[in-house]
Amino acid sequence: VFGRIETDEGGAEYQIASESVALDTLGFELVRDVAPGEAIFI
């Protein structure tokens, strides 16, 4: 899964993780699951 969080200074920070709980506990908003066969580059 991947999530993002908007910073106070502007712009986004991103996290990718095996499970959404890693996003929740660190303040990231779950965007969606990485789709089968999909690639994400940041």
Full PDB file with SEQRES, HELIX, SHEET, SSBOND, CRYST1, ORIGX, SCALE, CONECT and MASTER records, all heavy atoms in Angstrom:
SEQRES   1 A   42  VAL PHE GLY ARG ILE GLU THR ASP GLU GLY GLY ALA GLU          
SEQRES   2 A   42  TYR GLN ILE ALA SER GLU SER VAL ALA LEU ASP THR LEU          
SEQRES   3 A   42  GLY PHE GLU LEU VAL ARG ASP VAL ALA PRO GLY GLU ALA          
SEQRES   4 A   42  ILE PHE ILE                                                  
HELIX    1 AA1 VAL A   21  ASP A   24  1                                   4    
SHEET    1 AA1 3 ALA A  12  ILE A  16  0                                        
SHEET    2 AA1 3 PHE A   2  GLU A   6 -1                                        
SHEET    3 AA1 3 GLU A  29  ARG A  32 -1                                        
CRYST1    1.000    1.000    1.000  90.00  90.00  90.00 P 1           1          
ORIGX1      1.000000  0.000000  0.000000        0.00000                         
ORIGX2      0.000000  1.000000  0.000000        0.00000                         
ORIGX3      0.000000  0.000000  1.000000        0.00000                         
SCALE1      1.000000  0.000000  0.000000        0.00000                         
SCALE2      0.000000  1.000000  0.000000        0.00000                         
SCALE3      0.000000  0.000000  1.000000        0.00000                         
ATOM      1  N   VAL A   1       0.849  -1.195   0.000  1.00  0.00           N  
ATOM      2  CA  VAL A   1       0.000   0.000   0.000  1.00  0.00           C  
ATOM      3  C   VAL A   1       0.882   1.242   0.000  1.00  0.00           C  
ATOM      4  O   VAL A   1       2.070   1.172   0.303  1.00  0.00           O  
ATOM      5  CB  VAL A   1      -0.931   0.033   1.234  1.00  0.00           C  
ATOM      6  CG1 VAL A   1      -1.845  -1.181   1.268  1.00  0.00           C  
ATOM      7  CG2 VAL A   1      -0.118   0.117   2.534  1.00  0.00           C  
ATOM      8  N   PHE A   2       0.286   2.382  -0.341  1.00  0.00           N  
ATOM      9  CA  PHE A   2       1.043   3.617  -0.208  1.00  0.00           C  
ATOM     10  C   PHE A   2       0.142   4.723   0.328  1.00  0.00           C  
ATOM     11  O   PHE A   2      -1.083   4.711   0.161  1.00  0.00           O  
ATOM     12  CB  PHE A   2       1.714   4.033  -1.524  1.00  0.00           C  
ATOM     13  CG  PHE A   2       0.806   4.626  -2.559  1.00  0.00           C  
ATOM     14  CD1 PHE A   2       0.612   6.002  -2.642  1.00  0.00           C  
ATOM     15  CD2 PHE A   2       0.160   3.815  -3.468  1.00  0.00           C  
ATOM     16  CE1 PHE A   2      -0.217   6.548  -3.604  1.00  0.00           C  
ATOM     17  CE2 PHE A   2      -0.672   4.356  -4.442  1.00  0.00           C  
ATOM     18  CZ  PHE A   2      -0.858   5.728  -4.510  1.00  0.00           C  
ATOM     19  N   GLY A   3       0.780   5.676   1.004  1.00  0.00           N  
ATOM     20  CA  GLY A   3       0.062   6.800   1.590  1.00  0.00           C  
ATOM     21  C   GLY A   3       0.873   8.070   1.469  1.00  0.00           C  
ATOM     22  O   GLY A   3       2.052   8.046   1.081  1.00  0.00           O  
ATOM     23  N   ARG A   4       0.252   9.181   1.810  1.00  0.00           N  
ATOM     24  CA  ARG A   4       0.938  10.475   1.730  1.00  0.00           C  
ATOM     25  C   ARG A   4       0.493  11.358   2.873  1.00  0.00           C  
ATOM     26  O   ARG A   4      -0.534  11.108   3.520  1.00  0.00           O  
ATOM     27  CB  ARG A   4       0.658  11.161   0.389  1.00  0.00           C  
ATOM     28  CG  ARG A   4      -0.813  11.419   0.105  1.00  0.00           C  
ATOM     29  CD  ARG A   4      -0.986  12.155  -1.222  1.00  0.00           C  
ATOM     30  NE  ARG A   4      -0.647  13.574  -1.094  1.00  0.00           N  
ATOM     31  CZ  ARG A   4      -0.333  14.356  -2.118  1.00  0.00           C  
ATOM     32  NH1 ARG A   4      -0.272  13.850  -3.343  1.00  0.00           N  
ATOM     33  NH2 ARG A   4      -0.077  15.638  -1.928  1.00  0.00           N  
ATOM     34  N   ILE A   5       1.277  12.378   3.120  1.00  0.00           N  
ATOM     35  CA  ILE A   5       0.940  13.357   4.137  1.00  0.00           C  
ATOM     36  C   ILE A   5       1.401  14.719   3.621  1.00  0.00           C  
ATOM     37  O   ILE A   5       2.488  14.844   3.048  1.00  0.00           O  
ATOM     38  CB  ILE A   5       1.622  13.010   5.489  1.00  0.00           C  
ATOM     39  CG1 ILE A   5       1.180  13.964   6.594  1.00  0.00           C  
ATOM     40  CG2 ILE A   5       3.124  12.993   5.361  1.00  0.00           C  
ATOM     41  CD1 ILE A   5       1.669  13.535   7.974  1.00  0.00           C  
ATOM     42  N   GLU A   6       0.549  15.721   3.774  1.00  0.00           N  
ATOM     43  CA  GLU A   6       0.904  17.068   3.363  1.00  0.00           C  
ATOM     44  C   GLU A   6       1.712  17.739   4.471  1.00  0.00           C  
ATOM     45  O   GLU A   6       1.334  17.693   5.644  1.00  0.00           O  
ATOM     46  CB  GLU A   6      -0.351  17.886   3.063  1.00  0.00           C  
ATOM     47  CG  GLU A   6      -1.177  17.369   1.884  1.00  0.00           C  
ATOM     48  CD  GLU A   6      -0.439  17.479   0.561  1.00  0.00           C  
ATOM     49  OE1 GLU A   6       0.418  18.383   0.428  1.00  0.00           O  
ATOM     50  OE2 GLU A   6      -0.720  16.667  -0.340  1.00  0.00           O  
ATOM     51  N   THR A   7       2.810  18.339   4.103  1.00  0.00           N  
ATOM     52  CA  THR A   7       3.667  18.991   5.098  1.00  0.00           C  
ATOM     53  C   THR A   7       3.237  20.432   5.319  1.00  0.00           C  
ATOM     54  O   THR A   7       2.588  21.052   4.468  1.00  0.00           O  
ATOM     55  CB  THR A   7       5.137  18.965   4.654  1.00  0.00           C  
ATOM     56  OG1 THR A   7       5.273  19.771   3.474  1.00  0.00           O  
ATOM     57  CG2 THR A   7       5.581  17.540   4.351  1.00  0.00           C  
ATOM     58  N   ASP A   8       3.598  20.987   6.458  1.00  0.00           N  
ATOM     59  CA  ASP A   8       3.278  22.382   6.760  1.00  0.00           C  
ATOM     60  C   ASP A   8       3.983  23.340   5.808  1.00  0.00           C  
ATOM     61  O   ASP A   8       3.494  24.438   5.537  1.00  0.00           O  
ATOM     62  CB  ASP A   8       3.685  22.704   8.208  1.00  0.00           C  
ATOM     63  CG  ASP A   8       2.864  21.919   9.217  1.00  0.00           C  
ATOM     64  OD1 ASP A   8       1.748  21.506   8.862  1.00  0.00           O  
ATOM     65  OD2 ASP A   8       3.356  21.714  10.344  1.00  0.00           O  
ATOM     66  N   GLU A   9       5.132  22.921   5.319  1.00  0.00           N  
ATOM     67  CA  GLU A   9       5.904  23.776   4.419  1.00  0.00           C  
ATOM     68  C   GLU A   9       5.398  23.707   2.982  1.00  0.00           C  
ATOM     69  O   GLU A   9       5.873  24.431   2.105  1.00  0.00           O  
ATOM     70  CB  GLU A   9       7.384  23.371   4.441  1.00  0.00           C  
ATOM     71  CG  GLU A   9       8.057  23.515   5.796  1.00  0.00           C  
ATOM     72  CD  GLU A   9       7.729  22.353   6.728  1.00  0.00           C  
ATOM     73  OE1 GLU A   9       7.250  21.308   6.234  1.00  0.00           O  
ATOM     74  OE2 GLU A   9       7.933  22.498   7.943  1.00  0.00           O  
ATOM     75  N   GLY A  10       4.454  22.798   2.726  1.00  0.00           N  
ATOM     76  CA  GLY A  10       3.973  22.593   1.366  1.00  0.00           C  
ATOM     77  C   GLY A  10       4.628  21.387   0.725  1.00  0.00           C  
ATOM     78  O   GLY A  10       5.789  21.072   0.997  1.00  0.00           O  
ATOM     79  N   GLY A  11       3.888  20.699  -0.125  1.00  0.00           N  
ATOM     80  CA  GLY A  11       4.399  19.480  -0.736  1.00  0.00           C  
ATOM     81  C   GLY A  11       4.016  18.269   0.087  1.00  0.00           C  
ATOM     82  O   GLY A  11       3.542  18.374   1.225  1.00  0.00           O  
ATOM     83  N   ALA A  12       4.239  17.111  -0.494  1.00  0.00           N  
ATOM     84  CA  ALA A  12       3.813  15.855   0.131  1.00  0.00           C  
ATOM     85  C   ALA A  12       5.005  14.979   0.483  1.00  0.00           C  
ATOM     86  O   ALA A  12       6.059  15.038  -0.168  1.00  0.00           O  
ATOM     87  CB  ALA A  12       2.870  15.099  -0.789  1.00  0.00           C  
ATOM     88  N   GLU A  13       4.825  14.165   1.521  1.00  0.00           N  
ATOM     89  CA  GLU A  13       5.741  13.084   1.845  1.00  0.00           C  
ATOM     90  C   GLU A  13       5.017  11.780   1.573  1.00  0.00           C  
ATOM     91  O   GLU A  13       3.797  11.686   1.750  1.00  0.00           O  
ATOM     92  CB  GLU A  13       6.183  13.157   3.308  1.00  0.00           C  
ATOM     93  CG  GLU A  13       6.955  14.420   3.635  1.00  0.00           C  
ATOM     94  CD  GLU A  13       7.389  14.498   5.088  1.00  0.00           C  
ATOM     95  OE1 GLU A  13       6.762  13.808   5.935  1.00  0.00           O  
ATOM     96  OE2 GLU A  13       8.334  15.250   5.369  1.00  0.00           O  
ATOM     97  N   TYR A  14       5.757  10.756   1.160  1.00  0.00           N  
ATOM     98  CA  TYR A  14       5.145   9.492   0.764  1.00  0.00           C  
ATOM     99  C   TYR A  14       5.728   8.327   1.558  1.00  0.00           C  
ATOM    100  O   TYR A  14       6.919   8.319   1.888  1.00  0.00           O  
ATOM    101  CB  TYR A  14       5.368   9.227  -0.727  1.00  0.00           C  
ATOM    102  CG  TYR A  14       4.627  10.184  -1.636  1.00  0.00           C  
ATOM    103  CD1 TYR A  14       5.244  11.348  -2.087  1.00  0.00           C  
ATOM    104  CD2 TYR A  14       3.323   9.923  -2.040  1.00  0.00           C  
ATOM    105  CE1 TYR A  14       4.569  12.236  -2.929  1.00  0.00           C  
ATOM    106  CE2 TYR A  14       2.637  10.799  -2.874  1.00  0.00           C  
ATOM    107  CZ  TYR A  14       3.268  11.949  -3.313  1.00  0.00           C  
ATOM    108  OH  TYR A  14       2.600  12.828  -4.138  1.00  0.00           O  
ATOM    109  N   GLN A  15       4.856   7.359   1.829  1.00  0.00           N  
ATOM    110  CA  GLN A  15       5.308   6.112   2.429  1.00  0.00           C  
ATOM    111  C   GLN A  15       4.660   4.943   1.694  1.00  0.00           C  
ATOM    112  O   GLN A  15       3.471   4.987   1.355  1.00  0.00           O  
ATOM    113  CB  GLN A  15       4.953   6.022   3.914  1.00  0.00           C  
ATOM    114  CG  GLN A  15       5.490   4.739   4.554  1.00  0.00           C  
ATOM    115  CD  GLN A  15       5.056   4.531   5.999  1.00  0.00           C  
ATOM    116  OE1 GLN A  15       5.148   3.427   6.509  1.00  0.00           O  
ATOM    117  NE2 GLN A  15       4.572   5.580   6.658  1.00  0.00           N  
ATOM    118  N   ILE A  16       5.455   3.905   1.459  1.00  0.00           N  
ATOM    119  CA  ILE A  16       4.979   2.647   0.877  1.00  0.00           C  
ATOM    120  C   ILE A  16       5.262   1.561   1.900  1.00  0.00           C  
ATOM    121  O   ILE A  16       6.333   1.528   2.514  1.00  0.00           O  
ATOM    122  CB  ILE A  16       5.697   2.365  -0.459  1.00  0.00           C  
ATOM    123  CG1 ILE A  16       5.346   3.455  -1.474  1.00  0.00           C  
ATOM    124  CG2 ILE A  16       5.317   0.990  -1.001  1.00  0.00           C  
ATOM    125  CD1 ILE A  16       6.181   3.437  -2.725  1.00  0.00           C  
ATOM    126  N   ALA A  17       4.301   0.656   2.112  1.00  0.00           N  
ATOM    127  CA  ALA A  17       4.465  -0.335   3.176  1.00  0.00           C  
ATOM    128  C   ALA A  17       3.697  -1.612   2.862  1.00  0.00           C  
ATOM    129  O   ALA A  17       2.781  -1.621   2.031  1.00  0.00           O  
ATOM    130  CB  ALA A  17       3.980   0.232   4.515  1.00  0.00           C  
ATOM    131  N   SER A  18       4.067  -2.672   3.565  1.00  0.00           N  
ATOM    132  CA  SER A  18       3.365  -3.952   3.413  1.00  0.00           C  
ATOM    133  C   SER A  18       1.929  -3.874   3.890  1.00  0.00           C  
ATOM    134  O   SER A  18       1.046  -4.516   3.318  1.00  0.00           O  
ATOM    135  CB  SER A  18       4.095  -5.054   4.187  1.00  0.00           C  
ATOM    136  OG  SER A  18       5.346  -5.342   3.623  1.00  0.00           O  
ATOM    137  N   GLU A  19       1.691  -3.118   4.961  1.00  0.00           N  
ATOM    138  CA  GLU A  19       0.352  -3.042   5.539  1.00  0.00           C  
ATOM    139  C   GLU A  19       0.008  -1.601   5.882  1.00  0.00           C  
ATOM    140  O   GLU A  19       0.891  -0.800   6.232  1.00  0.00           O  
ATOM    141  CB  GLU A  19       0.247  -3.907   6.799  1.00  0.00           C  
ATOM    142  CG  GLU A  19       0.412  -5.391   6.559  1.00  0.00           C  
ATOM    143  CD  GLU A  19       0.226  -6.202   7.836  1.00  0.00           C  
ATOM    144  OE1 GLU A  19      -0.570  -5.771   8.703  1.00  0.00           O  
ATOM    145  OE2 GLU A  19       0.873  -7.256   7.969  1.00  0.00           O  
ATOM    146  N   SER A  20      -1.282  -1.300   5.842  1.00  0.00           N  
ATOM    147  CA  SER A  20      -1.745   0.067   6.082  1.00  0.00           C  
ATOM    148  C   SER A  20      -1.478   0.536   7.504  1.00  0.00           C  
ATOM    149  O   SER A  20      -1.393   1.739   7.759  1.00  0.00           O  
ATOM    150  CB  SER A  20      -3.246   0.169   5.788  1.00  0.00           C  
ATOM    151  OG  SER A  20      -4.001  -0.652   6.678  1.00  0.00           O  
ATOM    152  N   VAL A  21      -1.325  -0.401   8.452  1.00  0.00           N  
ATOM    153  CA  VAL A  21      -1.091  -0.009   9.841  1.00  0.00           C  
ATOM    154  C   VAL A  21       0.191   0.806   9.979  1.00  0.00           C  
ATOM    155  O   VAL A  21       0.301   1.680  10.849  1.00  0.00           O  
ATOM    156  CB  VAL A  21      -1.068  -1.260  10.755  1.00  0.00           C  
ATOM    157  CG1 VAL A  21       0.099  -2.174  10.419  1.00  0.00           C  
ATOM    158  CG2 VAL A  21      -1.026  -0.873  12.221  1.00  0.00           C  
ATOM    159  N   ALA A  22       1.171   0.544   9.095  1.00  0.00           N  
ATOM    160  CA  ALA A  22       2.414   1.314   9.147  1.00  0.00           C  
ATOM    161  C   ALA A  22       2.183   2.757   8.724  1.00  0.00           C  
ATOM    162  O   ALA A  22       2.916   3.655   9.147  1.00  0.00           O  
ATOM    163  CB  ALA A  22       3.469   0.662   8.255  1.00  0.00           C  
ATOM    164  N   LEU A  23       1.186   2.990   7.896  1.00  0.00           N  
ATOM    165  CA  LEU A  23       0.828   4.358   7.516  1.00  0.00           C  
ATOM    166  C   LEU A  23       0.057   5.036   8.638  1.00  0.00           C  
ATOM    167  O   LEU A  23       0.357   6.173   9.020  1.00  0.00           O  
ATOM    168  CB  LEU A  23      -0.021   4.351   6.240  1.00  0.00           C  
ATOM    169  CG  LEU A  23       0.508   3.592   5.023  1.00  0.00           C  
ATOM    170  CD1 LEU A  23      -0.487   3.685   3.876  1.00  0.00           C  
ATOM    171  CD2 LEU A  23       1.850   4.132   4.587  1.00  0.00           C  
ATOM    172  N   ASP A  24      -0.947   4.352   9.167  1.00  0.00           N  
ATOM    173  CA  ASP A  24      -1.820   4.928  10.189  1.00  0.00           C  
ATOM    174  C   ASP A  24      -1.038   5.439  11.385  1.00  0.00           C  
ATOM    175  O   ASP A  24      -1.243   6.565  11.861  1.00  0.00           O  
ATOM    176  CB  ASP A  24      -2.831   3.881  10.686  1.00  0.00           C  
ATOM    177  CG  ASP A  24      -3.678   3.306   9.567  1.00  0.00           C  
ATOM    178  OD1 ASP A  24      -3.794   3.963   8.517  1.00  0.00           O  
ATOM    179  OD2 ASP A  24      -4.208   2.193   9.748  1.00  0.00           O  
ATOM    180  N   THR A  25      -0.152   4.586  11.886  1.00  0.00           N  
ATOM    181  CA  THR A  25       0.524   4.912  13.138  1.00  0.00           C  
ATOM    182  C   THR A  25       1.538   6.038  12.980  1.00  0.00           C  
ATOM    183  O   THR A  25       1.957   6.630  13.974  1.00  0.00           O  
ATOM    184  CB  THR A  25       1.238   3.666  13.706  1.00  0.00           C  
ATOM    185  OG1 THR A  25       2.139   3.160  12.717  1.00  0.00           O  
ATOM    186  CG2 THR A  25       0.232   2.583  14.066  1.00  0.00           C  
ATOM    187  N   LEU A  26       1.931   6.324  11.740  1.00  0.00           N  
ATOM    188  CA  LEU A  26       2.915   7.380  11.494  1.00  0.00           C  
ATOM    189  C   LEU A  26       2.292   8.628  10.888  1.00  0.00           C  
ATOM    190  O   LEU A  26       3.008   9.535  10.452  1.00  0.00           O  
ATOM    191  CB  LEU A  26       4.028   6.851  10.590  1.00  0.00           C  
ATOM    192  CG  LEU A  26       4.870   5.719  11.211  1.00  0.00           C  
ATOM    193  CD1 LEU A  26       5.831   5.142  10.193  1.00  0.00           C  
ATOM    194  CD2 LEU A  26       5.628   6.216  12.433  1.00  0.00           C  
ATOM    195  N   GLY A  27       0.963   8.675  10.864  1.00  0.00           N  
ATOM    196  CA  GLY A  27       0.278   9.881  10.442  1.00  0.00           C  
ATOM    197  C   GLY A  27       0.088  10.043   8.946  1.00  0.00           C  
ATOM    198  O   GLY A  27      -0.352  11.099   8.489  1.00  0.00           O  
ATOM    199  N   PHE A  28       0.385   9.008   8.166  1.00  0.00           N  
ATOM    200  CA  PHE A  28       0.169   9.062   6.728  1.00  0.00           C  
ATOM    201  C   PHE A  28      -1.264   8.647   6.402  1.00  0.00           C  
ATOM    202  O   PHE A  28      -1.821   7.755   7.053  1.00  0.00           O  
ATOM    203  CB  PHE A  28       1.141   8.150   5.987  1.00  0.00           C  
ATOM    204  CG  PHE A  28       2.550   8.655   5.932  1.00  0.00           C  
ATOM    205  CD1 PHE A  28       3.392   8.546   7.043  1.00  0.00           C  
ATOM    206  CD2 PHE A  28       3.053   9.252   4.786  1.00  0.00           C  
ATOM    207  CE1 PHE A  28       4.696   9.014   7.002  1.00  0.00           C  
ATOM    208  CE2 PHE A  28       4.354   9.717   4.728  1.00  0.00           C  
ATOM    209  CZ  PHE A  28       5.177   9.602   5.847  1.00  0.00           C  
ATOM    210  N   GLU A  29      -1.835   9.261   5.398  1.00  0.00           N  
ATOM    211  CA  GLU A  29      -3.168   8.891   4.936  1.00  0.00           C  
ATOM    212  C   GLU A  29      -3.059   7.814   3.868  1.00  0.00           C  
ATOM    213  O   GLU A  29      -2.305   7.962   2.894  1.00  0.00           O  
ATOM    214  CB  GLU A  29      -3.892  10.106   4.360  1.00  0.00           C  
ATOM    215  CG  GLU A  29      -5.284   9.788   3.820  1.00  0.00           C  
ATOM    216  CD  GLU A  29      -5.928  10.978   3.153  1.00  0.00           C  
ATOM    217  OE1 GLU A  29      -5.317  12.073   3.155  1.00  0.00           O  
ATOM    218  OE2 GLU A  29      -7.040  10.820   2.596  1.00  0.00           O  
ATOM    219  N   LEU A  30      -3.774   6.720   4.056  1.00  0.00           N  
ATOM    220  CA  LEU A  30      -3.787   5.651   3.059  1.00  0.00           C  
ATOM    221  C   LEU A  30      -4.411   6.170   1.769  1.00  0.00           C  
ATOM    222  O   LEU A  30      -5.558   6.624   1.765  1.00  0.00           O  
ATOM    223  CB  LEU A  30      -4.566   4.442   3.580  1.00  0.00           C  
ATOM    224  CG  LEU A  30      -4.821   3.310   2.583  1.00  0.00           C  
ATOM    225  CD1 LEU A  30      -3.506   2.658   2.145  1.00  0.00           C  
ATOM    226  CD2 LEU A  30      -5.762   2.265   3.199  1.00  0.00           C  
ATOM    227  N   VAL A  31      -3.661   6.121   0.681  1.00  0.00           N  
ATOM    228  CA  VAL A  31      -4.192   6.520  -0.617  1.00  0.00           C  
ATOM    229  C   VAL A  31      -4.881   5.330  -1.276  1.00  0.00           C  
ATOM    230  O   VAL A  31      -6.063   5.381  -1.613  1.00  0.00           O  
ATOM    231  CB  VAL A  31      -3.076   7.083  -1.523  1.00  0.00           C  
ATOM    232  CG1 VAL A  31      -3.624   7.398  -2.927  1.00  0.00           C  
ATOM    233  CG2 VAL A  31      -2.472   8.340  -0.899  1.00  0.00           C  
ATOM    234  N   ARG A  32      -4.156   4.244  -1.450  1.00  0.00           N  
ATOM    235  CA  ARG A  32      -4.713   3.025  -2.028  1.00  0.00           C  
ATOM    236  C   ARG A  32      -3.650   1.937  -2.007  1.00  0.00           C  
ATOM    237  O   ARG A  32      -2.498   2.161  -1.622  1.00  0.00           O  
ATOM    238  CB  ARG A  32      -5.189   3.249  -3.459  1.00  0.00           C  
ATOM    239  CG  ARG A  32      -4.109   3.711  -4.425  1.00  0.00           C  
ATOM    240  CD  ARG A  32      -4.648   3.828  -5.841  1.00  0.00           C  
ATOM    241  NE  ARG A  32      -3.670   4.387  -6.768  1.00  0.00           N  
ATOM    242  CZ  ARG A  32      -2.728   3.695  -7.394  1.00  0.00           C  
ATOM    243  NH1 ARG A  32      -2.599   2.395  -7.157  1.00  0.00           N  
ATOM    244  NH2 ARG A  32      -1.883   4.286  -8.238  1.00  0.00           N  
ATOM    245  N   ASP A  33      -4.039   0.748  -2.439  1.00  0.00           N  
ATOM    246  CA  ASP A  33      -3.083  -0.335  -2.628  1.00  0.00           C  
ATOM    247  C   ASP A  33      -2.331  -0.121  -3.941  1.00  0.00           C  
ATOM    248  O   ASP A  33      -2.879   0.439  -4.900  1.00  0.00           O  
ATOM    249  CB  ASP A  33      -3.806  -1.680  -2.671  1.00  0.00           C  
ATOM    250  CG  ASP A  33      -4.514  -1.993  -1.378  1.00  0.00           C  
ATOM    251  OD1 ASP A  33      -5.651  -1.522  -1.195  1.00  0.00           O  
ATOM    252  OD2 ASP A  33      -3.940  -2.718  -0.552  1.00  0.00           O  
ATOM    253  N   VAL A  34      -1.098  -0.580  -3.976  1.00  0.00           N  
ATOM    254  CA  VAL A  34      -0.395  -0.671  -5.246  1.00  0.00           C  
ATOM    255  C   VAL A  34      -1.081  -1.781  -6.040  1.00  0.00           C  
ATOM    256  O   VAL A  34      -1.279  -2.888  -5.533  1.00  0.00           O  
ATOM    257  CB  VAL A  34       1.094  -0.984  -5.040  1.00  0.00           C  
ATOM    258  CG1 VAL A  34       1.807  -1.136  -6.378  1.00  0.00           C  
ATOM    259  CG2 VAL A  34       1.752   0.100  -4.198  1.00  0.00           C  
ATOM    260  N   ALA A  35      -1.471  -1.508  -7.256  1.00  0.00           N  
ATOM    261  CA  ALA A  35      -2.211  -2.478  -8.056  1.00  0.00           C  
ATOM    262  C   ALA A  35      -1.294  -3.607  -8.522  1.00  0.00           C  
ATOM    263  O   ALA A  35      -0.081  -3.420  -8.668  1.00  0.00           O  
ATOM    264  CB  ALA A  35      -2.849  -1.789  -9.264  1.00  0.00           C  
ATOM    265  N   PRO A  36      -1.834  -4.798  -8.767  1.00  0.00           N  
ATOM    266  CA  PRO A  36      -1.017  -5.875  -9.333  1.00  0.00           C  
ATOM    267  C   PRO A  36      -0.359  -5.421 -10.634  1.00  0.00           C  
ATOM    268  O   PRO A  36      -1.030  -4.861 -11.510  1.00  0.00           O  
ATOM    269  CB  PRO A  36      -2.039  -6.986  -9.590  1.00  0.00           C  
ATOM    270  CG  PRO A  36      -3.160  -6.709  -8.636  1.00  0.00           C  
ATOM    271  CD  PRO A  36      -3.227  -5.213  -8.518  1.00  0.00           C  
ATOM    272  N   GLY A  37       0.937  -5.628 -10.751  1.00  0.00           N  
ATOM    273  CA  GLY A  37       1.654  -5.237 -11.953  1.00  0.00           C  
ATOM    274  C   GLY A  37       2.026  -3.771 -12.027  1.00  0.00           C  
ATOM    275  O   GLY A  37       2.729  -3.353 -12.957  1.00  0.00           O  
ATOM    276  N   GLU A  38       1.588  -2.972 -11.072  1.00  0.00           N  
ATOM    277  CA  GLU A  38       1.859  -1.539 -11.105  1.00  0.00           C  
ATOM    278  C   GLU A  38       3.233  -1.225 -10.517  1.00  0.00           C  
ATOM    279  O   GLU A  38       3.717  -1.920  -9.615  1.00  0.00           O  
ATOM    280  CB  GLU A  38       0.795  -0.787 -10.304  1.00  0.00           C  
ATOM    281  CG  GLU A  38       0.974   0.742 -10.316  1.00  0.00           C  
ATOM    282  CD  GLU A  38      -0.032   1.467  -9.440  1.00  0.00           C  
ATOM    283  OE1 GLU A  38      -0.649   0.818  -8.567  1.00  0.00           O  
ATOM    284  OE2 GLU A  38      -0.197   2.689  -9.625  1.00  0.00           O  
ATOM    285  N   ALA A  39       3.850  -0.172 -11.027  1.00  0.00           N  
ATOM    286  CA  ALA A  39       5.076   0.363 -10.447  1.00  0.00           C  
ATOM    287  C   ALA A  39       4.852   1.813 -10.066  1.00  0.00           C  
ATOM    288  O   ALA A  39       4.143   2.555 -10.758  1.00  0.00           O  
ATOM    289  CB  ALA A  39       6.242   0.249 -11.423  1.00  0.00           C  
ATOM    290  N   ILE A  40       5.453   2.215  -8.958  1.00  0.00           N  
ATOM    291  CA  ILE A  40       5.393   3.600  -8.480  1.00  0.00           C  
ATOM    292  C   ILE A  40       6.820   4.093  -8.333  1.00  0.00           C  
ATOM    293  O   ILE A  40       7.683   3.383  -7.792  1.00  0.00           O  
ATOM    294  CB  ILE A  40       4.643   3.676  -7.139  1.00  0.00           C  
ATOM    295  CG1 ILE A  40       3.135   3.450  -7.348  1.00  0.00           C  
ATOM    296  CG2 ILE A  40       4.884   5.015  -6.446  1.00  0.00           C  
ATOM    297  CD1 ILE A  40       2.358   3.343  -6.058  1.00  0.00           C  
ATOM    298  N   PHE A  41       7.086   5.283  -8.817  1.00  0.00           N  
ATOM    299  CA  PHE A  41       8.399   5.909  -8.654  1.00  0.00           C  
ATOM    300  C   PHE A  41       8.219   7.300  -8.064  1.00  0.00           C  
ATOM    301  O   PHE A  41       7.401   8.086  -8.548  1.00  0.00           O  
ATOM    302  CB  PHE A  41       9.140   6.008  -9.997  1.00  0.00           C  
ATOM    303  CG  PHE A  41      10.473   6.690  -9.886  1.00  0.00           C  
ATOM    304  CD1 PHE A  41      11.518   6.083  -9.219  1.00  0.00           C  
ATOM    305  CD2 PHE A  41      10.676   7.953 -10.435  1.00  0.00           C  
ATOM    306  CE1 PHE A  41      12.747   6.712  -9.099  1.00  0.00           C  
ATOM    307  CE2 PHE A  41      11.899   8.594 -10.314  1.00  0.00           C  
ATOM    308  CZ  PHE A  41      12.944   7.972  -9.645  1.00  0.00           C  
ATOM    309  N   ILE A  42       8.954   7.579  -7.005  1.00  0.00           N  
ATOM    310  CA  ILE A  42       8.931   8.887  -6.349  1.00  0.00           C  
ATOM    311  C   ILE A  42      10.363   9.402  -6.336  1.00  0.00           C  
ATOM    312  O   ILE A  42      11.245   8.781  -5.730  1.00  0.00           O  
ATOM    313  CB  ILE A  42       8.383   8.792  -4.912  1.00  0.00           C  
ATOM    314  CG1 ILE A  42       7.007   8.114  -4.902  1.00  0.00           C  
ATOM    315  CG2 ILE A  42       8.294  10.176  -4.277  1.00  0.00           C  
ATOM    316  CD1 ILE A  42       6.569   7.618  -3.548  1.00  0.00           C  
TER     317      ILE A  42                                                      
MASTER        0    0    0    1    3    0    0    6  316    1    0    4          
END                                                                             
